[in-house]
Amino acid sequence: MASYDLIQTDSELASLVALLRRRERLAVDLEGENNLHSYGIRVCLIQLFDGQRGYIVDTLAIRTKDLLKNLFEGSGWLKVMFDSTNDLLALRHDLGIKPNSLYDLAIAAQLLHRPGGLHALRDGPHSARSKDRFQKSNWLRRPVPKEMLDYAISDVVDLLALADALAADLAKEGLTAEFDKRNRERLDKVRVWDPLANFTRIPGFQRMRRAGRERAKALWYAREYYARLHDLAPENVASKPQLAKIVELGLRDGEAIARLLNESRQRNRIDPRDFGRLLADAERDAKADTRREN
């Protein structure tokens, strides 16, 4: 495992930004929260590796967010990442950051017909099993346990060597220009997080009649509103199958819905008054959005 520094203050980050200005490229990865332990998308750690030493930036400890912005937008070094889609969304949504350069290894792997994710491309102890182990970790927790920091930095230590190997293979196959095109498209894509747009993920939504779809959409909005108000993961308010069941049963008021959701629930019990009030707002907003869409 590579040696690394944990960056937790503005002065440490300012010094790091100055140091990294002399680098041509760095491996980059993020760890964050995505509606699993609390509401919304948060960038919790930024991992960097320059080929010799690693750096982990504790974004939650940094007070001057412009320093984080400068790390990605004011730097000349190439950001080498693997499957950057979600990370670019998180940077944009949480920190207002749009990196000024990118080399996404997942695009290269796709062009070279090499499936299986990062663990399939690299050699060493990092496996799908170890990835799964930390998949649901709470990266908002402070202090971050050392084993989680070690895992975080291990995600970037192989990326530069992989970039060299994949670049050589792309050139051999005559795919460099196509890679550059797709890589640019990924960097330039406009990314907006819209959690209200995912109501079609409710099981059986496509088979519902019009009234059922309208009800499902309003319930999805209400779930999001309640989760945001109470800083909960939406799935801790109501699972997607529970939303489908509410539609099927024809439950209309907040008290009846809360009663169903609170069955066998010890934690995060739903407040019927809150849910009823937010449900009324959700019904109004869902109808307004449907009118605009049509």
C-alpha atoms as a PDB file:
ATOM      1  CA  MET A   1       0.000   0.000   0.000  1.00  0.00           C
ATOM      2  CA  ALA A   2       1.280   3.471  -0.867  1.00  0.00           C
ATOM      3  CA  SER A   3       2.139   5.993   1.824  1.00  0.00           C
ATOM      4  CA  TYR A   4      -0.339   8.828   2.052  1.00  0.00           C
ATOM      5  CA  ASP A   5      -1.038  12.098   3.822  1.00  0.00           C
ATOM      6  CA  LEU A   6      -4.426  12.953   5.277  1.00  0.00           C
ATOM      7  CA  ILE A   7      -5.324  16.564   4.449  1.00  0.00           C
ATOM      8  CA  GLN A   8      -7.729  18.026   7.017  1.00  0.00           C
ATOM      9  CA  THR A   9      -7.121  21.787   7.149  1.00  0.00           C
ATOM     10  CA  ASP A  10      -7.306  24.676   4.713  1.00  0.00           C
ATOM     11  CA  SER A  11      -3.593  25.392   5.111  1.00  0.00           C
ATOM     12  CA  GLU A  12      -2.692  21.767   4.390  1.00  0.00           C
ATOM     13  CA  LEU A  13      -4.864  21.796   1.282  1.00  0.00           C
ATOM     14  CA  ALA A  14      -3.410  25.112   0.072  1.00  0.00           C
ATOM     15  CA  SER A  15       0.090  23.635   0.402  1.00  0.00           C
ATOM     16  CA  LEU A  16      -1.007  20.497  -1.444  1.00  0.00           C
ATOM     17  CA  VAL A  17      -2.511  22.502  -4.311  1.00  0.00           C
ATOM     18  CA  ALA A  18       0.772  24.386  -4.657  1.00  0.00           C
ATOM     19  CA  LEU A  19       2.729  21.127  -4.614  1.00  0.00           C
ATOM     20  CA  LEU A  20       0.558  19.427  -7.204  1.00  0.00           C
ATOM     21  CA  ARG A  21       0.848  22.287  -9.681  1.00  0.00           C
ATOM     22  CA  ARG A  22       4.137  20.700 -10.763  1.00  0.00           C
ATOM     23  CA  ARG A  23       2.499  17.373 -11.620  1.00  0.00           C
ATOM     24  CA  GLU A  24       1.428  16.418 -15.143  1.00  0.00           C
ATOM     25  CA  ARG A  25      -1.227  13.921 -14.055  1.00  0.00           C
ATOM     26  CA  LEU A  26      -2.730  12.416 -10.933  1.00  0.00           C
ATOM     27  CA  ALA A  27      -4.949   9.456 -10.209  1.00  0.00           C
ATOM     28  CA  VAL A  28      -8.230  10.582  -8.634  1.00  0.00           C
ATOM     29  CA  ASP A  29     -11.111   8.880  -6.873  1.00  0.00           C
ATOM     30  CA  LEU A  30     -13.858   9.924  -4.470  1.00  0.00           C
ATOM     31  CA  GLU A  31     -15.672   8.388  -1.537  1.00  0.00           C
ATOM     32  CA  GLY A  32     -19.001   9.860  -0.630  1.00  0.00           C
ATOM     33  CA  GLU A  33     -22.561   9.588   0.547  1.00  0.00           C
ATOM     34  CA  ASN A  34     -25.288   8.886  -1.967  1.00  0.00           C
ATOM     35  CA  ASN A  35     -28.648   8.611  -0.226  1.00  0.00           C
ATOM     36  CA  LEU A  36     -27.524   5.642   1.863  1.00  0.00           C
ATOM     37  CA  HIS A  37     -27.095   6.986   5.417  1.00  0.00           C
ATOM     38  CA  SER A  38     -28.514  10.489   5.025  1.00  0.00           C
ATOM     39  CA  TYR A  39     -30.256  12.548   2.379  1.00  0.00           C
ATOM     40  CA  GLY A  40     -28.507  13.637  -0.768  1.00  0.00           C
ATOM     41  CA  ILE A  41     -25.112  13.417  -2.435  1.00  0.00           C
ATOM     42  CA  ARG A  42     -21.981  14.409  -0.514  1.00  0.00           C
ATOM     43  CA  VAL A  43     -18.305  14.221  -1.426  1.00  0.00           C
ATOM     44  CA  CYS A  44     -16.605  12.989   1.751  1.00  0.00           C
ATOM     45  CA  LEU A  45     -13.059  12.179   0.635  1.00  0.00           C
ATOM     46  CA  ILE A  46     -10.919  12.921  -2.420  1.00  0.00           C
ATOM     47  CA  GLN A  47      -8.072  10.499  -3.017  1.00  0.00           C
ATOM     48  CA  LEU A  48      -5.072  11.489  -5.132  1.00  0.00           C
ATOM     49  CA  PHE A  49      -1.935   9.604  -6.181  1.00  0.00           C
ATOM     50  CA  ASP A  50       0.997  11.052  -8.096  1.00  0.00           C
ATOM     51  CA  GLY A  51       2.860   7.820  -8.763  1.00  0.00           C
ATOM     52  CA  GLN A  52       4.840   7.909  -5.558  1.00  0.00           C
ATOM     53  CA  ARG A  53       2.706   9.255  -2.756  1.00  0.00           C
ATOM     54  CA  GLY A  54      -0.967   9.416  -1.987  1.00  0.00           C
ATOM     55  CA  TYR A  55      -3.099  12.188  -0.535  1.00  0.00           C
ATOM     56  CA  ILE A  56      -6.553  11.945   1.007  1.00  0.00           C
ATOM     57  CA  VAL A  57      -8.455  15.214   1.303  1.00  0.00           C
ATOM     58  CA  ASP A  58     -11.145  15.252   3.982  1.00  0.00           C
ATOM     59  CA  THR A  59     -13.615  17.486   2.186  1.00  0.00           C
ATOM     60  CA  LEU A  60     -15.900  17.710   5.221  1.00  0.00           C
ATOM     61  CA  ALA A  61     -13.080  19.320   7.209  1.00  0.00           C
ATOM     62  CA  ILE A  62     -12.190  21.929   4.575  1.00  0.00           C
ATOM     63  CA  ARG A  63     -13.817  25.288   5.297  1.00  0.00           C
ATOM     64  CA  THR A  64     -12.796  27.179   2.169  1.00  0.00           C
ATOM     65  CA  LYS A  65     -14.546  25.296  -0.613  1.00  0.00           C
ATOM     66  CA  ASP A  66     -12.792  27.374  -3.279  1.00  0.00           C
ATOM     67  CA  LEU A  67      -9.639  25.442  -2.391  1.00  0.00           C
ATOM     68  CA  LEU A  68     -11.377  22.244  -3.453  1.00  0.00           C
ATOM     69  CA  LYS A  69     -12.581  23.933  -6.619  1.00  0.00           C
ATOM     70  CA  ASN A  70      -9.045  25.075  -7.375  1.00  0.00           C
ATOM     71  CA  LEU A  71      -7.825  21.518  -6.939  1.00  0.00           C
ATOM     72  CA  PHE A  72      -9.881  20.430  -9.963  1.00  0.00           C
ATOM     73  CA  GLU A  73     -10.447  23.577 -11.999  1.00  0.00           C
ATOM     74  CA  GLY A  74      -7.309  25.608 -11.356  1.00  0.00           C
ATOM     75  CA  SER A  75      -4.855  22.763 -11.847  1.00  0.00           C
ATOM     76  CA  GLY A  76      -3.119  21.803 -15.061  1.00  0.00           C
ATOM     77  CA  TRP A  77      -2.656  18.136 -14.276  1.00  0.00           C
ATOM     78  CA  LEU A  78      -4.647  15.420 -16.006  1.00  0.00           C
ATOM     79  CA  LYS A  79      -7.221  13.712 -13.776  1.00  0.00           C
ATOM     80  CA  VAL A  80      -6.954   9.949 -14.297  1.00  0.00           C
ATOM     81  CA  MET A  81     -10.120   8.234 -13.059  1.00  0.00           C
ATOM     82  CA  PHE A  82     -12.011   4.989 -13.483  1.00  0.00           C
ATOM     83  CA  ASP A  83     -15.715   5.222 -14.348  1.00  0.00           C
ATOM     84  CA  SER A  84     -15.994   8.895 -13.501  1.00  0.00           C
ATOM     85  CA  THR A  85     -19.720   9.339 -14.181  1.00  0.00           C
ATOM     86  CA  ASN A  86     -20.972   9.272 -10.590  1.00  0.00           C
ATOM     87  CA  ASP A  87     -17.928  11.120  -9.267  1.00  0.00           C
ATOM     88  CA  LEU A  88     -18.365  13.945 -11.769  1.00  0.00           C
ATOM     89  CA  LEU A  89     -22.017  14.230 -10.751  1.00  0.00           C
ATOM     90  CA  ALA A  90     -21.085  14.327  -7.060  1.00  0.00           C
ATOM     91  CA  LEU A  91     -18.436  16.989  -7.615  1.00  0.00           C
ATOM     92  CA  ARG A  92     -20.851  19.113  -9.615  1.00  0.00           C
ATOM     93  CA  HIS A  93     -23.852  18.734  -7.319  1.00  0.00           C
ATOM     94  CA  ASP A  94     -22.161  18.954  -3.921  1.00  0.00           C
ATOM     95  CA  LEU A  95     -19.225  21.273  -4.558  1.00  0.00           C
ATOM     96  CA  GLY A  96     -20.034  23.063  -7.812  1.00  0.00           C
ATOM     97  CA  ILE A  97     -16.893  21.641  -9.394  1.00  0.00           C
ATOM     98  CA  LYS A  98     -16.381  20.762 -13.066  1.00  0.00           C
ATOM     99  CA  PRO A  99     -12.889  19.300 -13.628  1.00  0.00           C
ATOM    100  CA  ASN A 100     -10.959  20.824 -16.507  1.00  0.00           C
ATOM    101  CA  SER A 101      -9.452  17.557 -17.764  1.00  0.00           C
ATOM    102  CA  LEU A 102     -10.127  13.831 -17.592  1.00  0.00           C
ATOM    103  CA  TYR A 103      -8.724  10.466 -18.606  1.00  0.00           C
ATOM    104  CA  ASP A 104     -11.395   7.860 -17.846  1.00  0.00           C
ATOM    105  CA  LEU A 105      -9.988   4.336 -17.854  1.00  0.00           C
ATOM    106  CA  ALA A 106     -13.461   2.778 -17.992  1.00  0.00           C
ATOM    107  CA  ILE A 107     -13.944   4.232 -21.482  1.00  0.00           C
ATOM    108  CA  ALA A 108     -10.647   2.690 -22.586  1.00  0.00           C
ATOM    109  CA  ALA A 109     -11.605  -0.680 -21.092  1.00  0.00           C
ATOM    110  CA  GLN A 110     -14.954  -0.578 -22.873  1.00  0.00           C
ATOM    111  CA  LEU A 111     -13.375   0.186 -26.250  1.00  0.00           C
ATOM    112  CA  LEU A 112     -10.919  -2.672 -25.724  1.00  0.00           C
ATOM    113  CA  HIS A 113     -13.759  -5.070 -24.755  1.00  0.00           C
ATOM    114  CA  ARG A 114     -12.433  -5.674 -21.262  1.00  0.00           C
ATOM    115  CA  PRO A 115     -15.434  -6.060 -18.930  1.00  0.00           C
ATOM    116  CA  GLY A 116     -15.464  -6.635 -15.191  1.00  0.00           C
ATOM    117  CA  GLY A 117     -14.671  -3.279 -13.661  1.00  0.00           C
ATOM    118  CA  LEU A 118     -11.482  -2.012 -12.081  1.00  0.00           C
ATOM    119  CA  HIS A 119     -10.765  -5.164 -10.062  1.00  0.00           C
ATOM    120  CA  ALA A 120     -10.660  -7.161 -13.302  1.00  0.00           C
ATOM    121  CA  LEU A 121      -8.035  -4.853 -14.824  1.00  0.00           C
ATOM    122  CA  ARG A 122      -5.621  -4.625 -11.923  1.00  0.00           C
ATOM    123  CA  ASP A 123      -3.280  -7.022 -10.188  1.00  0.00           C
ATOM    124  CA  GLY A 124      -3.048  -7.155  -6.411  1.00  0.00           C
ATOM    125  CA  PRO A 125      -5.226  -7.699  -3.355  1.00  0.00           C
ATOM    126  CA  HIS A 126      -8.051  -5.361  -4.300  1.00  0.00           C
ATOM    127  CA  SER A 127     -11.008  -7.548  -5.261  1.00  0.00           C
ATOM    128  CA  ALA A 128     -14.712  -7.329  -5.837  1.00  0.00           C
ATOM    129  CA  ARG A 129     -15.180  -8.786  -2.365  1.00  0.00           C
ATOM    130  CA  SER A 130     -13.149  -6.039  -0.680  1.00  0.00           C
ATOM    131  CA  LYS A 131     -15.046  -3.468  -2.744  1.00  0.00           C
ATOM    132  CA  ASP A 132     -18.337  -4.921  -1.519  1.00  0.00           C
ATOM    133  CA  ARG A 133     -17.079  -4.765   2.055  1.00  0.00           C
ATOM    134  CA  PHE A 134     -16.905  -0.991   1.951  1.00  0.00           C
ATOM    135  CA  GLN A 135     -19.730  -0.388  -0.528  1.00  0.00           C
ATOM    136  CA  LYS A 136     -22.155   0.597   2.221  1.00  0.00           C
ATOM    137  CA  SER A 137     -19.685   2.261   4.573  1.00  0.00           C
ATOM    138  CA  ASN A 138     -20.679   5.552   6.125  1.00  0.00           C
ATOM    139  CA  TRP A 139     -18.083   7.963   4.742  1.00  0.00           C
ATOM    140  CA  LEU A 140     -19.676  10.825   6.682  1.00  0.00           C
ATOM    141  CA  ARG A 141     -18.420   9.283   9.917  1.00  0.00           C
ATOM    142  CA  ARG A 142     -15.595  11.144  11.646  1.00  0.00           C
ATOM    143  CA  PRO A 143     -12.901  10.271  12.391  1.00  0.00           C
ATOM    144  CA  VAL A 144     -12.622   7.966   9.409  1.00  0.00           C
ATOM    145  CA  PRO A 145     -11.253   4.584  10.583  1.00  0.00           C
ATOM    146  CA  LYS A 146      -7.769   3.776   9.328  1.00  0.00           C
ATOM    147  CA  GLU A 147      -8.921   0.669   7.479  1.00  0.00           C
ATOM    148  CA  MET A 148     -11.335   2.805   5.492  1.00  0.00           C
ATOM    149  CA  LEU A 149      -8.600   5.326   4.669  1.00  0.00           C
ATOM    150  CA  ASP A 150      -6.302   2.486   3.590  1.00  0.00           C
ATOM    151  CA  TYR A 151      -9.024   1.125   1.364  1.00  0.00           C
ATOM    152  CA  ALA A 152      -9.726   4.573  -0.092  1.00  0.00           C
ATOM    153  CA  ILE A 153      -6.113   5.184  -1.122  1.00  0.00           C
ATOM    154  CA  SER A 154      -5.804   1.676  -2.564  1.00  0.00           C
ATOM    155  CA  ASP A 155      -8.413   2.633  -5.151  1.00  0.00           C
ATOM    156  CA  VAL A 156      -6.010   5.033  -6.887  1.00  0.00           C
ATOM    157  CA  VAL A 157      -2.519   3.533  -6.582  1.00  0.00           C
ATOM    158  CA  ASP A 158      -2.782   1.435  -9.780  1.00  0.00           C
ATOM    159  CA  LEU A 159      -4.561   3.931 -11.993  1.00  0.00           C
ATOM    160  CA  LEU A 160      -1.522   5.638 -13.546  1.00  0.00           C
ATOM    161  CA  ALA A 161       0.107   2.343 -14.518  1.00  0.00           C
ATOM    162  CA  LEU A 162      -3.213   1.163 -15.914  1.00  0.00           C
ATOM    163  CA  ALA A 163      -3.533   4.380 -17.893  1.00  0.00           C
ATOM    164  CA  ASP A 164      -0.160   3.746 -19.544  1.00  0.00           C
ATOM    165  CA  ALA A 165      -1.029   0.145 -20.404  1.00  0.00           C
ATOM    166  CA  LEU A 166      -4.475   0.969 -21.764  1.00  0.00           C
ATOM    167  CA  ALA A 167      -3.170   3.944 -23.768  1.00  0.00           C
ATOM    168  CA  ALA A 168      -0.620   1.664 -25.448  1.00  0.00           C
ATOM    169  CA  ASP A 169      -3.333  -0.867 -26.295  1.00  0.00           C
ATOM    170  CA  LEU A 170      -5.638   1.836 -27.649  1.00  0.00           C
ATOM    171  CA  ALA A 171      -2.858   3.073 -29.914  1.00  0.00           C
ATOM    172  CA  LYS A 172      -2.122  -0.472 -31.093  1.00  0.00           C
ATOM    173  CA  GLU A 173      -5.792  -1.001 -31.993  1.00  0.00           C
ATOM    174  CA  GLY A 174      -6.142   2.409 -33.638  1.00  0.00           C
ATOM    175  CA  LEU A 175      -8.699   3.525 -31.038  1.00  0.00           C
ATOM    176  CA  THR A 176      -6.987   6.580 -29.582  1.00  0.00           C
ATOM    177  CA  ALA A 177      -9.071   9.110 -31.510  1.00  0.00           C
ATOM    178  CA  GLU A 178     -12.336   7.378 -30.567  1.00  0.00           C
ATOM    179  CA  PHE A 179     -11.231   7.296 -26.918  1.00  0.00           C
ATOM    180  CA  ASP A 180     -10.420  11.011 -26.990  1.00  0.00           C
ATOM    181  CA  LYS A 181     -13.860  11.744 -28.455  1.00  0.00           C
ATOM    182  CA  ARG A 182     -15.781   9.714 -25.873  1.00  0.00           C
ATOM    183  CA  ASN A 183     -13.605  10.966 -23.041  1.00  0.00           C
ATOM    184  CA  ARG A 184     -14.316  14.580 -24.049  1.00  0.00           C
ATOM    185  CA  GLU A 185     -18.038  13.881 -24.260  1.00  0.00           C
ATOM    186  CA  ARG A 186     -18.050  12.469 -20.751  1.00  0.00           C
ATOM    187  CA  LEU A 187     -16.211  15.474 -19.368  1.00  0.00           C
ATOM    188  CA  ASP A 188     -18.475  17.972 -21.136  1.00  0.00           C
ATOM    189  CA  LYS A 189     -21.794  16.318 -20.311  1.00  0.00           C
ATOM    190  CA  VAL A 190     -24.127  18.477 -18.231  1.00  0.00           C
ATOM    191  CA  ARG A 191     -24.925  16.668 -14.971  1.00  0.00           C
ATOM    192  CA  VAL A 192     -27.916  17.492 -12.801  1.00  0.00           C
ATOM    193  CA  TRP A 193     -29.118  15.437  -9.849  1.00  0.00           C
ATOM    194  CA  ASP A 194     -32.896  15.224  -9.978  1.00  0.00           C
ATOM    195  CA  PRO A 195     -34.158  12.686  -7.416  1.00  0.00           C
ATOM    196  CA  LEU A 196     -37.785  13.514  -8.230  1.00  0.00           C
ATOM    197  CA  ALA A 197     -37.372  12.127 -11.728  1.00  0.00           C
ATOM    198  CA  ASN A 198     -36.885   8.513 -10.630  1.00  0.00           C
ATOM    199  CA  PHE A 199     -40.479   7.641  -9.734  1.00  0.00           C
ATOM    200  CA  THR A 200     -40.659   5.214 -12.666  1.00  0.00           C
ATOM    201  CA  ARG A 201     -38.425   2.893 -10.624  1.00  0.00           C
ATOM    202  CA  ILE A 202     -41.356   1.944  -8.418  1.00  0.00           C
ATOM    203  CA  PRO A 203     -42.036  -1.766  -9.115  1.00  0.00           C
ATOM    204  CA  GLY A 204     -44.841  -2.289 -11.610  1.00  0.00           C
ATOM    205  CA  PHE A 205     -45.038   1.395 -12.534  1.00  0.00           C
ATOM    206  CA  GLN A 206     -45.279   0.734 -16.278  1.00  0.00           C
ATOM    207  CA  ARG A 207     -48.209  -1.635 -15.736  1.00  0.00           C
ATOM    208  CA  MET A 208     -50.189   0.822 -13.607  1.00  0.00           C
ATOM    209  CA  ARG A 209     -53.169   2.687 -15.001  1.00  0.00           C
ATOM    210  CA  ARG A 210     -53.004   6.442 -15.305  1.00  0.00           C
ATOM    211  CA  ALA A 211     -54.461   7.101 -11.829  1.00  0.00           C
ATOM    212  CA  GLY A 212     -52.026   4.639 -10.291  1.00  0.00           C
ATOM    213  CA  ARG A 213     -49.064   6.279 -12.011  1.00  0.00           C
ATOM    214  CA  GLU A 214     -50.151   9.691 -10.812  1.00  0.00           C
ATOM    215  CA  ARG A 215     -50.463   8.353  -7.275  1.00  0.00           C
ATOM    216  CA  ALA A 216     -47.073   6.643  -7.479  1.00  0.00           C
ATOM    217  CA  LYS A 217     -45.439   9.859  -8.651  1.00  0.00           C
ATOM    218  CA  ALA A 218     -46.955  11.851  -5.773  1.00  0.00           C
ATOM    219  CA  LEU A 219     -45.848   9.232  -3.255  1.00  0.00           C
ATOM    220  CA  TRP A 220     -42.314   9.331  -4.663  1.00  0.00           C
ATOM    221  CA  TYR A 221     -42.244  13.101  -4.278  1.00  0.00           C
ATOM    222  CA  ALA A 222     -43.577  12.800  -0.701  1.00  0.00           C
ATOM    223  CA  ARG A 223     -40.869  10.281   0.151  1.00  0.00           C
ATOM    224  CA  GLU A 224     -38.195  12.652  -1.146  1.00  0.00           C
ATOM    225  CA  TYR A 225     -39.651  15.628   0.734  1.00  0.00           C
ATOM    226  CA  TYR A 226     -39.830  13.676   3.993  1.00  0.00           C
ATOM    227  CA  ALA A 227     -36.309  12.283   3.574  1.00  0.00           C
ATOM    228  CA  ARG A 228     -34.900  15.741   2.903  1.00  0.00           C
ATOM    229  CA  LEU A 229     -36.718  17.283   5.874  1.00  0.00           C
ATOM    230  CA  HIS A 230     -35.499  14.621   8.304  1.00  0.00           C
ATOM    231  CA  ASP A 231     -32.090  14.010   6.661  1.00  0.00           C
ATOM    232  CA  LEU A 232     -32.854  10.359   5.993  1.00  0.00           C
ATOM    233  CA  ALA A 233     -31.999   8.052   3.152  1.00  0.00           C
ATOM    234  CA  PRO A 234     -35.205   7.818   1.074  1.00  0.00           C
ATOM    235  CA  GLU A 235     -35.193   4.021   1.398  1.00  0.00           C
ATOM    236  CA  ASN A 236     -35.360   4.530   5.179  1.00  0.00           C
ATOM    237  CA  VAL A 237     -38.607   6.427   4.681  1.00  0.00           C
ATOM    238  CA  ALA A 238     -40.253   3.956   2.324  1.00  0.00           C
ATOM    239  CA  SER A 239     -38.856   1.260   0.091  1.00  0.00           C
ATOM    240  CA  LYS A 240     -39.885   1.094  -3.553  1.00  0.00           C
ATOM    241  CA  PRO A 241     -41.952  -2.072  -2.959  1.00  0.00           C
ATOM    242  CA  GLN A 242     -43.715  -0.301  -0.080  1.00  0.00           C
ATOM    243  CA  LEU A 243     -44.638   2.563  -2.392  1.00  0.00           C
ATOM    244  CA  ALA A 244     -46.047   0.075  -4.875  1.00  0.00           C
ATOM    245  CA  LYS A 245     -48.051  -1.545  -2.081  1.00  0.00           C
ATOM    246  CA  ILE A 246     -49.470   1.811  -0.975  1.00  0.00           C
ATOM    247  CA  VAL A 247     -50.680   2.423  -4.531  1.00  0.00           C
ATOM    248  CA  GLU A 248     -52.147  -1.067  -4.724  1.00  0.00           C
ATOM    249  CA  LEU A 249     -54.013  -0.657  -1.417  1.00  0.00           C
ATOM    250  CA  GLY A 250     -55.303   2.776  -2.408  1.00  0.00           C
ATOM    251  CA  LEU A 251     -54.096   4.443   0.803  1.00  0.00           C
ATOM    252  CA  ARG A 252     -54.747   8.176   0.615  1.00  0.00           C
ATOM    253  CA  ASP A 253     -53.962   9.874   3.920  1.00  0.00           C
ATOM    254  CA  GLY A 254     -50.747  10.342   5.827  1.00  0.00           C
ATOM    255  CA  GLU A 255     -51.898   8.499   8.942  1.00  0.00           C
ATOM    256  CA  ALA A 256     -52.792   5.298   7.066  1.00  0.00           C
ATOM    257  CA  ILE A 257     -49.575   5.425   5.063  1.00  0.00           C
ATOM    258  CA  ALA A 258     -47.462   6.044   8.176  1.00  0.00           C
ATOM    259  CA  ARG A 259     -49.172   3.140   9.913  1.00  0.00           C
ATOM    260  CA  LEU A 260     -48.180   0.809   7.084  1.00  0.00           C
ATOM    261  CA  LEU A 261     -44.623   2.130   6.916  1.00  0.00           C
ATOM    262  CA  ASN A 262     -44.155   1.873  10.698  1.00  0.00           C
ATOM    263  CA  GLU A 263     -45.090  -1.800  10.853  1.00  0.00           C
ATOM    264  CA  SER A 264     -42.227  -3.687  12.555  1.00  0.00           C
ATOM    265  CA  ARG A 265     -40.123  -0.511  12.523  1.00  0.00           C
ATOM    266  CA  GLN A 266     -38.182   0.497  15.623  1.00  0.00           C
ATOM    267  CA  ARG A 267     -36.076   3.293  14.125  1.00  0.00           C
ATOM    268  CA  ASN A 268     -36.945   6.179  11.805  1.00  0.00           C
ATOM    269  CA  ARG A 269     -40.649   5.887  12.502  1.00  0.00           C
ATOM    270  CA  ILE A 270     -42.691   8.036  10.153  1.00  0.00           C
ATOM    271  CA  ASP A 271     -44.505  11.009  11.676  1.00  0.00           C
ATOM    272  CA  PRO A 272     -48.050  10.886  10.205  1.00  0.00           C
ATOM    273  CA  ARG A 273     -48.594  14.639  10.493  1.00  0.00           C
ATOM    274  CA  ASP A 274     -45.356  15.462   8.727  1.00  0.00           C
ATOM    275  CA  PHE A 275     -45.975  12.888   6.043  1.00  0.00           C
ATOM    276  CA  GLY A 276     -49.574  13.983   5.521  1.00  0.00           C
ATOM    277  CA  ARG A 277     -48.543  17.624   5.143  1.00  0.00           C
ATOM    278  CA  LEU A 278     -45.731  16.764   2.740  1.00  0.00           C
ATOM    279  CA  LEU A 279     -47.981  14.408   0.805  1.00  0.00           C
ATOM    280  CA  ALA A 280     -50.354  17.286   0.092  1.00  0.00           C
ATOM    281  CA  ASP A 281     -47.413  19.343  -1.200  1.00  0.00           C
ATOM    282  CA  ALA A 282     -46.211  16.379  -3.245  1.00  0.00           C
ATOM    283  CA  GLU A 283     -49.590  15.846  -4.886  1.00  0.00           C
ATOM    284  CA  ARG A 284     -49.726  19.494  -5.932  1.00  0.00           C
ATOM    285  CA  ASP A 285     -46.147  19.542  -7.224  1.00  0.00           C
ATOM    286  CA  ALA A 286     -46.410  16.217  -9.043  1.00  0.00           C
ATOM    287  CA  LYS A 287     -49.514  17.378 -10.894  1.00  0.00           C
ATOM    288  CA  ALA A 288     -47.847  20.663 -11.829  1.00  0.00           C
ATOM    289  CA  ASP A 289     -44.771  18.848 -13.139  1.00  0.00           C
ATOM    290  CA  THR A 290     -46.936  16.459 -15.168  1.00  0.00           C
ATOM    291  CA  ARG A 291     -48.736  19.418 -16.779  1.00  0.00           C
ATOM    292  CA  ARG A 292     -45.406  21.005 -17.702  1.00  0.00           C
ATOM    293  CA  GLU A 293     -44.093  17.718 -19.129  1.00  0.00           C
ATOM    294  CA  ASN A 294     -47.192  17.305 -21.271  1.00  0.00           C
END
